[in-house]
N, C-alpha and C. Protein backbone atom coordinates (compact mmCIF):
# COMPACT_ATOMS: atom_id res chain seq x y z
N LEU A 1 -23.99 23.55 15.40
CA LEU A 1 -23.50 22.35 14.56
C LEU A 1 -24.63 21.66 14.04
N ASN A 2 -25.50 21.31 14.89
CA ASN A 2 -26.89 20.66 14.46
C ASN A 2 -27.54 21.33 13.43
N ALA A 3 -27.66 22.54 13.63
CA ALA A 3 -28.61 23.44 12.67
C ALA A 3 -27.81 23.46 11.30
N ALA A 4 -26.34 23.60 11.30
CA ALA A 4 -25.52 23.66 10.12
C ALA A 4 -25.82 22.09 9.20
N ALA A 5 -25.90 21.06 9.95
CA ALA A 5 -25.95 19.91 9.38
C ALA A 5 -27.47 19.53 8.84
N SER A 6 -28.48 20.00 9.50
CA SER A 6 -29.92 20.15 8.98
C SER A 6 -29.98 20.87 7.75
N THR A 7 -29.39 22.12 7.86
CA THR A 7 -29.44 22.82 6.32
C THR A 7 -28.80 22.20 5.34
N GLY A 8 -27.52 21.57 5.56
CA GLY A 8 -26.95 20.79 4.32
C GLY A 8 -27.85 19.69 3.88
N ASN A 9 -28.39 19.00 4.80
CA ASN A 9 -29.37 17.93 4.55
C ASN A 9 -30.60 18.24 3.76
N ALA A 10 -31.00 19.27 4.26
CA ALA A 10 -32.36 19.90 3.37
C ALA A 10 -31.95 20.28 2.08
N GLN A 11 -30.75 20.83 1.67
CA GLN A 11 -30.43 20.98 0.33
C GLN A 11 -30.26 19.72 -0.37
N THR A 12 -29.58 18.75 0.20
CA THR A 12 -29.36 17.39 -0.46
C THR A 12 -30.84 16.73 -0.57
N THR A 13 -31.74 16.80 0.36
CA THR A 13 -33.03 16.09 0.06
C THR A 13 -34.02 16.89 -0.85
N ALA A 14 -33.91 18.28 -0.82
CA ALA A 14 -34.75 19.13 -1.88
C ALA A 14 -34.09 18.70 -3.32
N ALA A 15 -32.58 18.66 -3.44
CA ALA A 15 -32.26 18.16 -4.87
C ALA A 15 -32.77 16.77 -5.02
N GLY A 16 -32.69 15.86 -4.19
CA GLY A 16 -33.21 14.58 -4.37
C GLY A 16 -34.46 14.48 -4.88
N ALA A 17 -35.40 15.47 -4.23
CA ALA A 17 -36.74 15.38 -4.53
C ALA A 17 -37.11 15.63 -5.97
N VAL A 18 -36.23 16.61 -6.67
CA VAL A 18 -36.43 16.66 -8.01
C VAL A 18 -36.23 15.45 -8.97
N SER A 19 -35.21 14.57 -8.30
CA SER A 19 -34.91 13.32 -9.19
C SER A 19 -35.86 12.26 -8.74
N GLY A 20 -36.78 12.34 -7.76
CA GLY A 20 -37.78 11.47 -7.49
C GLY A 20 -37.85 10.86 -6.21
N THR A 21 -37.44 11.70 -5.19
CA THR A 21 -37.62 10.99 -3.76
C THR A 21 -39.06 11.06 -3.40
N THR A 22 -39.36 10.29 -2.48
CA THR A 22 -40.89 10.35 -2.03
C THR A 22 -41.44 11.86 -1.63
N ALA A 23 -42.65 11.76 -1.40
CA ALA A 23 -43.13 13.00 -0.76
C ALA A 23 -42.76 13.35 0.62
N SER A 24 -42.86 12.14 1.41
CA SER A 24 -42.43 12.30 2.58
C SER A 24 -41.01 13.00 2.60
N GLY A 25 -39.97 12.54 1.95
CA GLY A 25 -38.54 13.44 1.81
C GLY A 25 -38.58 14.79 1.51
N THR A 26 -39.70 15.01 0.65
CA THR A 26 -39.65 16.63 0.43
C THR A 26 -40.18 17.16 1.82
N ALA A 27 -41.33 16.75 2.39
CA ALA A 27 -41.70 17.41 3.73
C ALA A 27 -40.58 17.42 4.61
N THR A 28 -39.74 16.47 4.81
CA THR A 28 -38.73 16.34 5.61
C THR A 28 -37.63 17.55 5.32
N ALA A 29 -37.55 17.74 4.04
CA ALA A 29 -36.49 18.82 3.63
C ALA A 29 -37.04 20.08 4.04
N ALA A 30 -38.22 20.30 3.85
CA ALA A 30 -38.97 21.62 4.35
C ALA A 30 -38.82 21.78 5.86
N SER A 31 -39.31 20.70 6.59
CA SER A 31 -39.27 20.81 7.94
C SER A 31 -37.73 21.05 8.53
N ALA A 32 -36.77 20.39 7.89
CA ALA A 32 -35.39 20.55 8.45
C ALA A 32 -34.93 21.96 8.22
N ALA A 33 -35.28 22.71 6.90
CA ALA A 33 -34.83 23.80 6.63
C ALA A 33 -35.43 24.86 7.47
N THR A 34 -36.91 24.71 7.97
CA THR A 34 -37.52 25.51 8.93
C THR A 34 -36.92 25.34 10.12
N GLY A 35 -36.50 24.12 10.60
CA GLY A 35 -36.02 23.94 12.15
C GLY A 35 -34.75 24.52 12.15
N ALA A 36 -33.87 24.81 10.91
CA ALA A 36 -32.63 25.41 11.11
C ALA A 36 -32.51 26.70 11.04
N GLY A 37 -33.83 27.45 11.29
CA GLY A 37 -33.93 28.86 11.39
C GLY A 37 -33.58 29.47 10.10
N THR A 38 -33.92 28.87 8.98
CA THR A 38 -34.00 29.62 7.55
C THR A 38 -35.08 30.60 7.52
N THR A 39 -34.52 31.74 6.96
CA THR A 39 -35.67 33.00 6.96
C THR A 39 -36.22 33.03 5.46
N ALA A 40 -35.62 32.41 4.66
CA ALA A 40 -36.11 32.54 3.26
C ALA A 40 -37.65 31.92 3.21
N THR A 41 -38.34 32.57 2.68
CA THR A 41 -39.66 32.13 2.31
C THR A 41 -40.07 31.58 0.75
N THR A 42 -39.02 31.74 -0.06
CA THR A 42 -39.41 31.52 -1.44
C THR A 42 -39.40 29.97 -1.62
N THR A 43 -40.14 29.50 -2.50
CA THR A 43 -40.13 28.08 -2.69
C THR A 43 -39.33 27.75 -3.65
N THR A 44 -38.43 26.57 -3.64
CA THR A 44 -37.42 26.14 -4.41
C THR A 44 -38.13 25.68 -5.69
N ALA A 45 -37.67 26.21 -6.90
CA ALA A 45 -38.15 25.55 -8.19
C ALA A 45 -38.07 24.14 -8.55
N THR A 46 -38.81 23.40 -9.03
CA THR A 46 -38.71 22.02 -9.15
C THR A 46 -38.63 21.66 -10.63
N SER A 47 -38.60 22.52 -11.54
CA SER A 47 -38.36 22.29 -12.92
C SER A 47 -37.57 23.49 -13.34
N LEU A 48 -36.89 23.40 -14.76
CA LEU A 48 -36.10 24.16 -15.32
C LEU A 48 -37.10 25.55 -15.71
N SER A 49 -38.39 25.12 -16.34
CA SER A 49 -39.06 26.13 -16.64
C SER A 49 -39.52 27.03 -15.52
N GLU A 50 -39.95 26.45 -14.30
CA GLU A 50 -40.04 27.26 -13.16
C GLU A 50 -39.05 28.19 -12.77
N ALA A 51 -37.66 27.62 -12.76
CA ALA A 51 -36.67 28.27 -12.23
C ALA A 51 -36.50 29.57 -13.22
N LEU A 52 -36.74 29.29 -14.58
CA LEU A 52 -36.36 30.35 -15.57
C LEU A 52 -37.64 31.41 -15.38
N GLY A 53 -38.61 31.24 -14.73
CA GLY A 53 -39.60 32.04 -14.50
C GLY A 53 -40.67 31.96 -15.79
N LEU A 54 -40.61 30.85 -16.48
CA LEU A 54 -41.56 30.61 -17.55
C LEU A 54 -42.64 29.81 -17.21
N SER A 55 -43.94 30.24 -17.46
CA SER A 55 -45.37 29.51 -17.19
C SER A 55 -46.02 29.12 -18.44
N GLY A 56 -46.68 27.86 -18.47
CA GLY A 56 -47.45 27.75 -19.61
C GLY A 56 -46.56 26.99 -20.69
N VAL A 57 -45.31 26.64 -20.22
CA VAL A 57 -44.33 26.18 -21.13
C VAL A 57 -43.73 24.85 -20.78
N THR A 58 -43.12 23.82 -21.69
CA THR A 58 -42.49 22.82 -21.18
C THR A 58 -41.15 23.05 -21.89
N VAL A 59 -39.85 23.02 -20.92
CA VAL A 59 -38.54 22.85 -21.38
C VAL A 59 -37.96 21.73 -21.39
N SER A 60 -37.62 21.26 -22.51
CA SER A 60 -36.93 19.94 -22.60
C SER A 60 -35.55 19.93 -23.31
N TYR A 61 -34.62 19.07 -22.96
CA TYR A 61 -33.40 18.82 -23.68
C TYR A 61 -33.70 18.37 -25.10
N LYS A 62 -33.00 18.92 -26.03
CA LYS A 62 -33.17 18.64 -27.26
C LYS A 62 -32.09 17.94 -28.01
N ASP A 63 -30.85 18.60 -28.01
CA ASP A 63 -29.56 17.95 -28.51
C ASP A 63 -28.32 18.55 -28.04
N VAL A 64 -27.20 18.03 -28.21
CA VAL A 64 -25.87 18.59 -27.82
C VAL A 64 -25.13 18.37 -29.11
N SER A 65 -24.43 19.54 -29.30
CA SER A 65 -23.49 19.68 -30.45
C SER A 65 -22.07 20.25 -30.03
N ILE A 66 -20.81 19.50 -30.63
CA ILE A 66 -19.54 20.03 -30.31
C ILE A 66 -18.95 20.55 -31.61
N GLY A 67 -18.32 21.54 -31.55
CA GLY A 67 -17.54 22.21 -32.58
C GLY A 67 -16.73 23.31 -32.43
N ASP A 68 -16.29 23.95 -33.61
CA ASP A 68 -15.41 25.26 -33.45
C ASP A 68 -16.26 26.39 -33.16
N ARG A 69 -17.70 26.26 -33.44
CA ARG A 69 -18.41 27.44 -33.12
C ARG A 69 -19.97 27.01 -33.03
N TYR A 70 -20.70 27.92 -32.53
CA TYR A 70 -22.09 27.70 -32.35
C TYR A 70 -22.91 29.07 -32.72
N PRO A 71 -24.01 29.10 -33.55
CA PRO A 71 -24.39 28.24 -34.29
C PRO A 71 -23.31 27.93 -35.47
N THR A 72 -23.55 26.85 -36.33
CA THR A 72 -22.56 26.67 -37.47
C THR A 72 -22.99 27.19 -38.73
N ASP A 73 -24.31 27.87 -38.82
CA ASP A 73 -24.71 28.50 -39.96
C ASP A 73 -23.98 29.57 -40.73
N ALA A 74 -23.65 29.53 -41.85
CA ALA A 74 -22.86 30.68 -42.64
C ALA A 74 -23.42 32.00 -42.31
N TYR A 75 -22.71 33.04 -41.92
CA TYR A 75 -23.03 34.16 -41.86
C TYR A 75 -23.81 34.50 -40.51
N ALA A 76 -23.93 33.75 -39.78
CA ALA A 76 -24.74 33.71 -38.40
C ALA A 76 -23.83 34.42 -37.26
N VAL A 77 -24.41 35.19 -36.56
CA VAL A 77 -23.64 35.58 -35.39
C VAL A 77 -23.47 34.52 -34.40
N CYS A 78 -22.09 34.10 -33.96
CA CYS A 78 -22.07 32.90 -33.38
C CYS A 78 -20.93 33.04 -32.39
N VAL A 79 -20.88 31.99 -31.41
CA VAL A 79 -19.81 32.06 -30.26
C VAL A 79 -18.76 31.16 -31.05
N PRO A 80 -17.53 31.72 -31.15
CA PRO A 80 -16.42 30.72 -31.49
C PRO A 80 -15.59 30.17 -30.41
N ALA A 81 -15.15 29.04 -30.59
CA ALA A 81 -14.16 28.39 -29.53
C ALA A 81 -13.18 29.12 -29.13
N ASP A 82 -12.72 29.25 -28.00
CA ASP A 82 -11.63 29.75 -27.24
C ASP A 82 -10.38 29.01 -27.81
N SER A 83 -9.29 29.47 -27.69
CA SER A 83 -8.06 28.77 -28.08
C SER A 83 -7.87 27.36 -27.39
N GLY A 84 -7.65 26.19 -28.02
CA GLY A 84 -7.49 25.06 -27.27
C GLY A 84 -8.79 24.41 -26.83
N CYS A 85 -9.94 25.20 -27.24
CA CYS A 85 -11.30 24.66 -26.79
C CYS A 85 -12.07 24.26 -27.76
N LYS A 86 -13.26 23.58 -27.53
CA LYS A 86 -14.35 23.42 -28.50
C LYS A 86 -15.29 23.86 -27.77
N VAL A 87 -16.72 24.42 -28.58
CA VAL A 87 -17.85 24.74 -28.14
C VAL A 87 -18.72 23.79 -27.93
N VAL A 88 -19.41 23.43 -26.79
CA VAL A 88 -20.35 22.34 -26.35
C VAL A 88 -21.69 23.09 -26.21
N ALA A 89 -22.66 23.03 -27.24
CA ALA A 89 -24.01 23.44 -27.17
C ALA A 89 -24.96 22.67 -26.84
N VAL A 90 -25.65 23.04 -25.74
CA VAL A 90 -26.69 22.02 -25.22
C VAL A 90 -28.08 22.80 -25.54
N GLU A 91 -28.75 22.30 -26.48
CA GLU A 91 -30.11 22.88 -27.11
C GLU A 91 -31.31 22.31 -26.34
N PHE A 92 -32.12 23.22 -26.03
CA PHE A 92 -33.36 23.04 -25.39
C PHE A 92 -34.56 23.36 -26.23
N ASN A 93 -35.65 22.46 -26.06
CA ASN A 93 -36.97 22.94 -26.82
C ASN A 93 -37.93 23.59 -25.81
N ILE A 94 -38.42 24.75 -25.95
CA ILE A 94 -39.19 25.46 -25.32
C ILE A 94 -40.55 25.44 -25.97
N LYS A 95 -41.70 24.74 -25.30
CA LYS A 95 -42.72 24.43 -26.15
C LYS A 95 -43.94 25.25 -25.47
N ASN A 96 -44.54 26.11 -26.18
CA ASN A 96 -45.85 26.91 -25.54
C ASN A 96 -46.93 25.89 -25.39
N ASN A 97 -47.37 25.63 -24.49
CA ASN A 97 -48.57 24.53 -24.17
C ASN A 97 -49.87 25.41 -24.21
N GLY A 98 -49.81 26.64 -24.30
CA GLY A 98 -51.29 27.42 -24.05
C GLY A 98 -51.73 27.62 -25.43
N ALA A 99 -52.97 28.40 -25.23
CA ALA A 99 -53.60 28.85 -26.35
C ALA A 99 -53.48 30.18 -26.90
N SER A 100 -52.70 30.82 -26.35
CA SER A 100 -52.17 32.05 -26.69
C SER A 100 -50.61 32.19 -26.60
N PRO A 101 -50.10 33.13 -27.42
CA PRO A 101 -48.71 33.31 -27.57
C PRO A 101 -48.01 33.88 -26.15
N ILE A 102 -46.95 33.56 -25.92
CA ILE A 102 -46.30 34.21 -24.56
C ILE A 102 -44.98 34.65 -25.18
N THR A 103 -44.60 35.59 -24.31
CA THR A 103 -43.26 36.34 -24.28
C THR A 103 -42.23 35.72 -23.40
N ALA A 104 -41.16 35.12 -23.71
CA ALA A 104 -40.12 34.50 -23.00
C ALA A 104 -39.21 35.47 -22.59
N THR A 105 -39.09 35.75 -21.21
CA THR A 105 -37.81 36.70 -20.90
C THR A 105 -37.47 35.75 -19.39
N THR A 106 -35.92 35.53 -19.62
CA THR A 106 -35.30 34.70 -18.68
C THR A 106 -33.93 35.66 -18.13
N ARG A 107 -33.77 36.64 -18.65
CA ARG A 107 -32.39 37.16 -18.30
C ARG A 107 -32.34 37.53 -16.72
N SER A 108 -33.51 37.89 -16.17
CA SER A 108 -33.39 38.18 -14.92
C SER A 108 -33.36 36.93 -13.81
N SER A 109 -33.55 35.72 -14.33
CA SER A 109 -33.59 34.48 -13.58
C SER A 109 -32.18 34.23 -12.94
N ALA A 110 -32.31 33.60 -11.87
CA ALA A 110 -31.06 33.19 -11.05
C ALA A 110 -30.42 31.75 -11.52
N VAL A 111 -30.78 31.41 -12.71
CA VAL A 111 -30.53 30.08 -13.26
C VAL A 111 -29.05 30.01 -13.78
N THR A 112 -28.34 28.94 -13.30
CA THR A 112 -26.93 28.92 -13.89
C THR A 112 -26.84 27.30 -14.20
N MET A 113 -25.77 27.13 -15.02
CA MET A 113 -25.76 25.55 -15.60
C MET A 113 -24.39 25.08 -15.57
N LYS A 114 -24.17 24.00 -15.31
CA LYS A 114 -22.79 23.38 -15.30
C LYS A 114 -22.92 21.86 -16.11
N LEU A 115 -21.88 21.98 -16.94
CA LEU A 115 -21.75 20.88 -17.72
C LEU A 115 -20.79 19.85 -16.95
N LYS A 116 -21.03 18.63 -16.83
CA LYS A 116 -20.36 17.69 -16.23
C LYS A 116 -19.86 16.51 -17.22
N LEU A 117 -18.71 16.65 -17.51
CA LEU A 117 -17.96 15.71 -18.49
C LEU A 117 -16.84 14.91 -17.98
N GLY A 118 -16.83 13.66 -17.97
CA GLY A 118 -15.55 13.06 -17.31
C GLY A 118 -15.56 13.76 -15.88
N SER A 119 -14.29 13.80 -15.71
CA SER A 119 -14.00 14.27 -14.20
C SER A 119 -14.06 15.68 -14.14
N GLY A 120 -14.27 16.48 -15.38
CA GLY A 120 -14.46 17.96 -15.45
C GLY A 120 -15.84 18.70 -15.32
N SER A 121 -15.86 19.78 -14.78
CA SER A 121 -17.22 20.57 -14.63
C SER A 121 -16.85 21.72 -15.23
N TYR A 122 -17.75 22.35 -15.97
CA TYR A 122 -17.71 23.63 -16.83
C TYR A 122 -18.98 24.55 -16.64
N ASN A 123 -18.78 25.84 -16.16
CA ASN A 123 -19.72 26.62 -15.94
C ASN A 123 -20.16 27.41 -17.50
N GLN A 124 -21.58 27.72 -17.39
CA GLN A 124 -22.05 27.97 -18.72
C GLN A 124 -21.54 29.27 -19.27
N TYR A 125 -21.06 29.37 -20.45
CA TYR A 125 -20.46 30.55 -20.97
C TYR A 125 -21.52 31.74 -21.34
N LYS A 126 -21.59 32.75 -20.72
CA LYS A 126 -22.58 33.78 -21.05
C LYS A 126 -22.16 34.49 -22.36
N SER A 127 -23.31 34.23 -23.29
CA SER A 127 -23.31 34.85 -24.62
C SER A 127 -24.15 35.79 -25.09
N MET A 128 -23.95 36.52 -26.17
CA MET A 128 -24.87 37.49 -26.63
C MET A 128 -25.78 36.93 -27.60
N LEU A 129 -26.05 35.37 -27.69
CA LEU A 129 -26.88 34.88 -28.65
C LEU A 129 -28.35 35.22 -28.12
N LYS A 130 -29.10 35.67 -29.15
CA LYS A 130 -30.50 35.92 -28.64
C LYS A 130 -31.32 34.64 -28.20
N ASN A 131 -30.84 33.54 -28.41
CA ASN A 131 -31.38 32.21 -28.03
C ASN A 131 -30.69 31.70 -26.87
N ASP A 132 -29.71 32.46 -26.04
CA ASP A 132 -29.21 31.88 -24.80
C ASP A 132 -30.41 31.64 -23.86
N ILE A 133 -30.51 30.59 -23.41
CA ILE A 133 -31.53 30.16 -22.50
C ILE A 133 -31.70 30.84 -21.14
N CYS A 134 -30.49 31.58 -20.73
CA CYS A 134 -30.46 32.21 -19.60
C CYS A 134 -30.52 33.75 -19.83
N GLY A 135 -30.68 34.33 -21.06
CA GLY A 135 -30.60 35.53 -21.41
C GLY A 135 -31.89 35.98 -22.30
N LEU A 136 -32.74 35.03 -22.56
CA LEU A 136 -33.81 35.51 -23.43
C LEU A 136 -34.55 36.90 -23.06
N ASN A 137 -34.98 37.64 -23.87
CA ASN A 137 -35.28 39.09 -23.76
C ASN A 137 -36.45 39.27 -24.63
N GLY A 138 -37.75 38.81 -24.16
CA GLY A 138 -38.90 39.24 -25.00
C GLY A 138 -39.07 38.34 -26.14
N VAL A 139 -38.71 37.07 -26.19
CA VAL A 139 -38.75 36.16 -27.37
C VAL A 139 -40.28 35.79 -27.34
N SER A 140 -41.03 35.97 -28.40
CA SER A 140 -42.34 35.52 -28.57
C SER A 140 -42.41 34.05 -29.20
N ILE A 141 -43.43 33.23 -28.42
CA ILE A 141 -43.59 31.94 -28.88
C ILE A 141 -44.89 31.90 -29.12
N ALA A 142 -45.36 31.57 -30.31
CA ALA A 142 -47.02 31.25 -30.68
C ALA A 142 -47.52 30.09 -30.03
N ALA A 143 -48.81 30.18 -29.72
CA ALA A 143 -49.43 28.97 -29.01
C ALA A 143 -49.26 27.76 -29.95
N GLY A 144 -48.92 26.82 -29.10
CA GLY A 144 -48.67 25.37 -29.51
C GLY A 144 -47.24 25.22 -30.43
N GLU A 145 -46.36 26.37 -30.55
CA GLU A 145 -45.08 26.46 -31.22
C GLU A 145 -43.90 26.03 -30.32
N SER A 146 -42.83 25.74 -30.85
CA SER A 146 -41.66 25.54 -29.97
C SER A 146 -40.64 26.56 -30.42
N TYR A 147 -39.74 26.90 -29.56
CA TYR A 147 -38.44 27.69 -29.76
C TYR A 147 -37.12 26.85 -28.97
N THR A 148 -36.12 26.93 -30.07
CA THR A 148 -34.80 26.25 -29.60
C THR A 148 -34.14 27.40 -28.86
N ALA A 149 -33.68 27.16 -27.55
CA ALA A 149 -32.88 27.94 -26.73
C ALA A 149 -31.43 27.11 -26.64
N VAL A 150 -30.50 27.64 -26.01
CA VAL A 150 -29.21 26.97 -26.17
C VAL A 150 -28.32 27.48 -24.71
N ALA A 151 -27.53 26.56 -24.11
CA ALA A 151 -26.45 26.78 -23.39
C ALA A 151 -25.14 26.39 -23.67
N VAL A 152 -24.14 27.41 -23.65
CA VAL A 152 -23.05 27.29 -24.55
C VAL A 152 -21.84 27.13 -23.37
N PHE A 153 -21.05 26.01 -23.60
CA PHE A 153 -19.93 25.78 -22.78
C PHE A 153 -18.62 25.85 -23.64
N GLN A 154 -17.33 26.44 -22.93
CA GLN A 154 -16.11 26.26 -23.48
C GLN A 154 -15.24 25.25 -22.82
N VAL A 155 -15.09 24.19 -23.58
CA VAL A 155 -14.50 22.78 -22.95
C VAL A 155 -13.30 22.51 -23.61
N PRO A 156 -12.17 22.18 -23.04
CA PRO A 156 -10.70 21.74 -23.56
C PRO A 156 -11.06 20.88 -24.85
N SER A 157 -10.42 20.98 -25.77
CA SER A 157 -10.56 20.09 -27.01
C SER A 157 -10.44 18.68 -26.64
N ASP A 158 -9.43 18.28 -25.89
CA ASP A 158 -9.18 16.77 -25.47
C ASP A 158 -10.24 16.33 -24.74
N SER A 159 -11.00 17.08 -24.08
CA SER A 159 -12.34 16.74 -23.13
C SER A 159 -13.58 16.87 -23.82
N ALA A 160 -13.77 17.60 -24.89
CA ALA A 160 -15.02 17.78 -25.61
C ALA A 160 -15.40 16.55 -26.55
N VAL A 161 -16.02 15.34 -25.89
CA VAL A 161 -16.26 14.37 -26.52
C VAL A 161 -17.78 13.90 -26.17
N LYS A 162 -18.67 13.77 -27.05
CA LYS A 162 -20.18 13.28 -26.45
C LYS A 162 -19.94 11.91 -25.98
N SER A 163 -20.37 11.72 -24.81
CA SER A 163 -20.11 10.50 -24.12
C SER A 163 -21.44 10.26 -23.06
N SER A 164 -21.50 8.94 -22.81
CA SER A 164 -22.85 8.48 -21.77
C SER A 164 -22.60 9.12 -20.42
N ASP A 165 -21.38 9.82 -19.96
CA ASP A 165 -21.44 10.26 -18.58
C ASP A 165 -21.56 11.82 -18.65
N MET A 166 -21.95 12.45 -20.00
CA MET A 166 -22.39 13.84 -20.08
C MET A 166 -23.56 14.20 -19.37
N LYS A 167 -23.52 15.11 -18.61
CA LYS A 167 -24.61 15.55 -17.76
C LYS A 167 -24.82 17.08 -17.69
N LEU A 168 -25.80 17.63 -17.28
CA LEU A 168 -26.04 19.08 -17.13
C LEU A 168 -26.79 19.28 -15.91
N GLU A 169 -26.03 20.20 -14.88
CA GLU A 169 -26.71 20.32 -13.66
C GLU A 169 -27.17 21.77 -13.83
N VAL A 170 -28.60 21.91 -13.44
CA VAL A 170 -29.39 23.35 -13.65
C VAL A 170 -29.47 23.68 -12.27
N LEU A 171 -29.17 24.88 -11.79
CA LEU A 171 -28.97 25.37 -10.59
C LEU A 171 -29.80 26.84 -10.59
N SER A 172 -30.60 27.06 -9.57
CA SER A 172 -31.43 28.30 -9.35
C SER A 172 -30.68 28.90 -7.96
N GLY A 173 -29.85 29.81 -8.17
CA GLY A 173 -29.02 30.39 -7.08
C GLY A 173 -28.06 29.24 -6.72
N SER A 174 -28.25 28.73 -5.63
CA SER A 174 -27.14 27.49 -5.24
C SER A 174 -27.78 26.25 -5.28
N LYS A 175 -28.98 26.14 -5.31
CA LYS A 175 -29.69 24.87 -5.23
C LYS A 175 -29.95 24.20 -6.66
N THR A 176 -29.70 23.02 -6.60
CA THR A 176 -29.92 22.14 -7.82
C THR A 176 -31.35 22.02 -8.05
N VAL A 177 -31.81 22.23 -9.26
CA VAL A 177 -33.20 22.12 -9.88
C VAL A 177 -33.39 20.93 -10.75
N GLU A 178 -32.41 20.52 -11.47
CA GLU A 178 -32.36 19.28 -12.30
C GLU A 178 -31.10 18.91 -12.78
N ASN A 179 -30.94 17.46 -12.94
CA ASN A 179 -29.90 16.98 -13.36
C ASN A 179 -30.18 16.35 -14.68
N ILE A 180 -29.73 16.54 -15.81
CA ILE A 180 -30.08 16.11 -17.21
C ILE A 180 -28.99 15.21 -17.87
N SER A 181 -29.39 14.00 -18.08
CA SER A 181 -28.36 13.25 -18.92
C SER A 181 -28.47 13.55 -20.47
N LEU A 182 -27.30 13.87 -20.92
CA LEU A 182 -27.16 14.36 -22.21
C LEU A 182 -26.71 13.33 -23.32
N GLN A 183 -27.72 12.33 -23.69
CA GLN A 183 -27.35 11.28 -24.41
C GLN A 183 -28.09 11.44 -25.63
């Protein structure tokens, strides 16, 4: 019973460390996980770019759009809204900070995203969009350049309203990596 409680606390503390707990809180989380007999030796990602397996880049929230489809360009391959829903598209900016081009591939990462809106929580809709942030496959980003990637959600029409309580939870496996306020 004590070991189970320690493991639960380690997850909570580790998630809190991403949001800004002290270094001693992080050390406590590592100690609690080890003391609980955890056999995993992998390091928990501390940023979205790390969880996606991208190095030399900065991944940041760019914008959110709500509509009947995404993208809205004429003749574009898009994700249409399901019946009774709106598409909520959360855009990210992936900036190559290096001096040489990179190739971004994220489709084998364990990253999932949840949109929290009001009292609802919505899982990311896996799409065939070439810029789906969790499905990038060999996307080239030149040195110093940026690329727009997206996470798409199907949200009931009556709930799909941009508001100050709109948040995105980024998970790597079952562990929270980041909580992003979408304002």
